[in-house]
Protein backbone atom coordinates (compact mmCIF):
# COMPACT_ATOMS: atom_id res chain seq x y z
CA UNK A 1 -2.05 3.73 -12.89
CA UNK A 2 0.65 3.13 -15.43
CA UNK A 3 1.15 -0.06 -17.45
CA UNK A 4 4.26 -1.21 -15.62
CA UNK A 5 2.48 -0.82 -12.28
CA UNK A 6 -0.51 -2.73 -13.63
CA UNK A 7 1.82 -5.57 -14.65
CA UNK A 8 3.24 -5.67 -11.11
CA UNK A 9 -0.28 -5.74 -9.68
CA UNK A 10 -1.42 -8.44 -12.10
CA UNK A 11 1.45 -10.67 -11.03
CA UNK A 12 1.33 -9.92 -7.29
CA UNK A 13 -2.22 -9.03 -6.16
CA UNK A 14 -3.39 -12.64 -6.09
CA UNK A 15 -0.62 -13.76 -3.71
CA UNK A 16 -1.54 -13.55 -0.02
CA UNK A 17 2.19 -13.51 0.87
CA UNK A 18 2.55 -10.08 -0.77
CA UNK A 19 1.90 -6.59 0.57
CA UNK A 20 0.94 -3.87 -1.89
CA UNK A 21 1.71 -0.38 -0.56
CA UNK A 22 -0.16 2.50 -2.20
CA UNK A 23 1.64 5.80 -1.73
CA UNK A 24 -0.43 8.90 -2.42
CA UNK A 25 -3.89 9.84 -3.59
CA UNK A 26 -5.92 7.30 -5.57
CA UNK A 27 -8.44 9.13 -7.76
CA UNK A 28 -12.09 8.00 -7.83
CA UNK A 29 -12.80 5.35 -10.44
CA UNK A 30 -9.18 4.26 -10.77
CA UNK A 31 -7.84 0.77 -10.27
CA UNK A 32 -5.83 1.96 -7.26
CA UNK A 33 -8.91 3.44 -5.59
CA UNK A 34 -10.89 0.22 -6.12
CA UNK A 35 -8.12 -1.83 -4.50
CA UNK A 36 -7.62 0.60 -1.59
CA UNK A 37 -11.39 0.61 -0.96
CA UNK A 38 -11.37 -3.17 -0.56
CA UNK A 39 -12.31 -4.69 -3.92
CA UNK A 40 -12.03 -8.49 -3.76
CA UNK A 41 -11.46 -8.79 -7.53
CA UNK A 42 -10.29 -6.29 -10.15
CA UNK A 43 -9.84 -6.35 -13.92
CA UNK A 44 -6.34 -5.76 -15.20
CA UNK A 45 -5.68 -5.94 -18.94
CA UNK A 46 -9.07 -7.58 -19.36
CA UNK A 47 -8.30 -10.36 -16.88
CA UNK A 48 -10.06 -10.70 -13.53
CA UNK A 49 -7.52 -10.83 -10.69
CA UNK A 50 -8.30 -11.80 -7.08
CA UNK A 51 -7.08 -9.31 -4.47
CA UNK A 52 -5.49 -11.58 -1.86
CA UNK A 53 -2.40 -9.49 -1.03
CA UNK A 54 -2.31 -7.33 2.07
CA UNK A 55 -3.20 -3.77 1.00
CA UNK A 56 -1.63 -0.80 2.79
CA UNK A 57 -2.09 2.87 2.02
CA UNK A 58 -0.08 5.97 2.85
CA UNK A 59 -1.94 9.23 2.17
CA UNK A 60 1.01 11.08 0.64
CA UNK A 61 4.77 10.86 0.20
CA UNK A 62 7.33 13.56 0.81
CA UNK A 63 10.97 13.63 1.81
CA UNK A 64 10.36 14.26 5.50
CA UNK A 65 6.78 14.13 6.74
CA UNK A 66 5.97 10.71 5.40
CA UNK A 67 9.19 9.07 6.50
CA UNK A 68 7.46 8.46 9.81
CA UNK A 69 4.60 6.69 8.02
CA UNK A 70 7.08 4.47 6.17
CA UNK A 71 8.91 3.68 9.40
CA UNK A 72 5.57 2.83 11.04
CA UNK A 73 4.88 0.51 8.12
CA UNK A 74 8.21 -1.24 8.73
CA UNK A 75 7.47 -1.50 12.47
CA UNK A 76 4.06 -3.04 11.70
CA UNK A 77 5.58 -6.31 10.47
CA UNK A 78 5.45 -9.19 12.92
CA UNK A 79 8.47 -10.72 11.17
CA UNK A 80 10.75 -7.80 10.35
CA UNK A 81 12.14 -7.59 6.80
CA UNK A 82 15.71 -8.85 6.38
CA UNK A 83 16.40 -6.25 3.68
CA UNK A 84 14.71 -3.13 2.32
CA UNK A 85 15.12 -1.97 -1.28
CA UNK A 86 14.19 1.66 -1.98
CA UNK A 87 13.09 2.27 -5.56
CA UNK A 88 10.70 5.22 -5.21
CA UNK A 89 11.48 8.92 -4.97
CA UNK A 90 14.40 11.15 -5.73
CA UNK A 91 17.88 9.98 -4.73
CA UNK A 92 18.28 12.65 -2.03
CA UNK A 93 15.00 11.60 -0.35
CA UNK A 94 15.96 7.93 -0.70
CA UNK A 95 19.33 8.59 0.97
CA UNK A 96 17.66 10.43 3.87
CA UNK A 97 15.13 7.64 4.34
CA UNK A 98 17.87 4.99 4.11
CA UNK A 99 19.83 6.66 6.92
CA UNK A 100 16.73 6.95 9.08
CA UNK A 101 15.76 3.29 8.53
CA UNK A 102 19.30 2.11 9.31
CA UNK A 103 19.52 4.31 12.39
CA UNK A 104 16.15 3.33 13.84
CA UNK A 105 15.65 -0.28 12.72
CA UNK A 106 19.16 -1.57 11.89
CA UNK A 107 17.62 -3.24 8.78
CA UNK A 108 19.99 -3.11 5.76
CA UNK A 109 18.77 -0.80 2.98
CA UNK A 110 19.76 -0.87 -0.69
CA UNK A 111 19.15 1.84 -3.28
CA UNK A 112 19.74 0.13 -6.65
CA UNK A 113 21.31 2.05 -9.51
CA UNK A 114 19.79 1.84 -12.97
CA UNK A 115 20.86 -1.36 -14.70
CA UNK A 116 21.95 -3.21 -11.55
CA UNK A 117 20.85 -6.83 -11.29
CA UNK A 118 20.14 -8.34 -7.87
CA UNK A 119 19.20 -11.79 -6.65
CA UNK A 120 17.90 -12.89 -3.29
CA UNK A 121 19.64 -15.97 -1.93
CA UNK A 122 18.96 -17.36 1.54
CA UNK A 123 17.21 -14.11 2.46
CA UNK A 124 20.27 -12.07 1.46
CA UNK A 125 20.42 -9.54 -1.36
CA UNK A 126 23.29 -10.09 -3.77
CA UNK A 127 24.42 -7.76 -6.56
CA UNK A 128 24.83 -10.02 -9.59
CA UNK A 129 26.21 -7.36 -11.90
CA UNK A 130 25.35 -4.42 -14.07
CA UNK A 131 23.98 -4.29 -17.54
CA UNK A 132 26.45 -3.16 -20.19
CA UNK A 133 25.90 0.32 -21.61
CA UNK A 134 24.55 -1.02 -24.93
CA UNK A 135 22.07 -3.22 -23.07
CA UNK A 136 20.96 -0.26 -20.97
CA UNK A 137 20.46 1.83 -24.12
CA UNK A 138 18.47 -0.99 -25.76
CA UNK A 139 16.32 -1.35 -22.64
CA UNK A 140 15.75 2.42 -22.51
CA UNK A 141 14.59 2.40 -26.15
CA UNK A 142 12.30 -0.54 -25.46
CA UNK A 143 10.96 1.27 -22.40
CA UNK A 144 10.09 4.27 -24.56
CA UNK A 145 8.07 2.06 -26.90
CA UNK A 146 6.42 0.32 -23.93
CA UNK A 147 5.60 3.67 -22.30
CA UNK A 148 3.90 4.85 -25.49
CA UNK A 149 1.88 1.60 -25.56
CA UNK A 150 1.12 2.00 -21.87
CA UNK A 151 -0.01 5.58 -22.41
CA UNK A 152 -2.35 4.38 -25.16
CA UNK A 153 -3.81 1.75 -22.80
CA UNK A 154 -4.13 4.30 -20.00
CA UNK A 155 -5.97 6.67 -22.31
CA UNK A 156 -8.39 3.86 -23.23
CA UNK A 157 -8.94 3.09 -19.53
CA UNK A 158 -9.46 6.76 -18.79
CA UNK A 159 -11.96 7.03 -21.63
CA UNK A 160 -13.93 4.07 -20.23
CA UNK A 161 -13.93 5.58 -16.73
CA UNK A 162 -14.97 8.98 -18.02
CA UNK A 163 -17.78 7.50 -20.12
CA UNK A 164 -19.10 5.65 -17.09
CA UNK A 165 -18.80 8.48 -14.55
CA UNK A 166 -19.36 11.66 -16.57
CA UNK A 167 -22.18 10.38 -18.74
CA UNK A 168 -24.03 8.92 -15.74
CA UNK A 169 -23.51 12.20 -13.83
CA UNK A 170 -22.05 10.34 -10.82
CA UNK A 171 -19.08 12.67 -10.88
CA UNK A 172 -18.84 15.96 -8.97
CA UNK A 173 -18.13 19.28 -10.69
CA UNK A 174 -14.74 19.69 -8.97
CA UNK A 175 -13.72 16.19 -10.17
CA UNK A 176 -14.65 17.15 -13.76
CA UNK A 177 -12.51 20.30 -13.41
CA UNK A 178 -9.63 18.27 -11.99
CA UNK A 179 -9.81 15.79 -14.88
CA UNK A 180 -9.92 18.67 -17.38
CA UNK A 181 -6.76 20.19 -15.86
CA UNK A 182 -4.98 16.82 -15.91
CA UNK A 183 -5.96 16.23 -19.53
CA UNK A 184 -4.50 19.63 -20.48
CA UNK A 185 -1.26 18.69 -18.68
CA UNK A 186 -1.12 15.36 -20.55
CA UNK A 187 -1.77 17.14 -23.84
CA UNK A 188 1.08 19.62 -23.19
CA UNK A 189 3.39 16.77 -22.24
CA UNK A 190 2.60 14.82 -25.41
CA UNK A 191 3.10 17.92 -27.57
CA UNK A 192 6.45 18.62 -25.87
CA UNK A 193 7.61 15.05 -26.54
CA UNK A 194 6.63 15.17 -30.21
CA UNK A 195 8.21 18.58 -30.91
C-alpha cells in the first residue's frame, strides 16, 4: 500500500461511520490483507489504529466485469448515497461507470478533474474552484518528493515483511517468485526514473 493510501487509512479506519472499499488483490503480509482478513487493530506509520470502519472487498477491478460489483456495492447501502465521486481508474472506464450508475440508480456522479476543489454542503457537492496552474505545478513537484519518501517507507515496510516471512519460511515458493518478479519491476522503474 502506498503512503497516500496509508494516510487515508490512518485518518479513516477508526471511524465507524466510514466504509473502506478494497479493490483488487491484497498480497499476504500486507496492511490491506490484514484489514480485509478482519484485523481489529493495525499499525500505520508506527501508530496503532483501531479498525472500526466497515470493510468491503472487491476481488478485482476492470472496465466492464466489475461494474456489476460496484453497482451491487451501491445497492447494498440502506441509506443510498446522495452523491458518488469517482476517483479511481482511467477516464474512459470512469465515464462508462458513471453512465451506468446514473442510468440504474439515478444517483448523481462526479468525476473530478485534477486541481478541482469541492466542498460538501447540506449533502450537496459544490465545485469551489480550480487551482491555478502555478499551484498545480507546485503541488505536482511536492507530490514527486512525497512519492519518493513514500517509496522509501514502502521499501522499509516490505523489508520488514520479507524478513518476517522469508526468514521464518512461512512463505510459499510461488510467493517468493512473485516477490522477486515485483522487485525486478520496481528496480526497472526506479532506473527508468533516474535515467
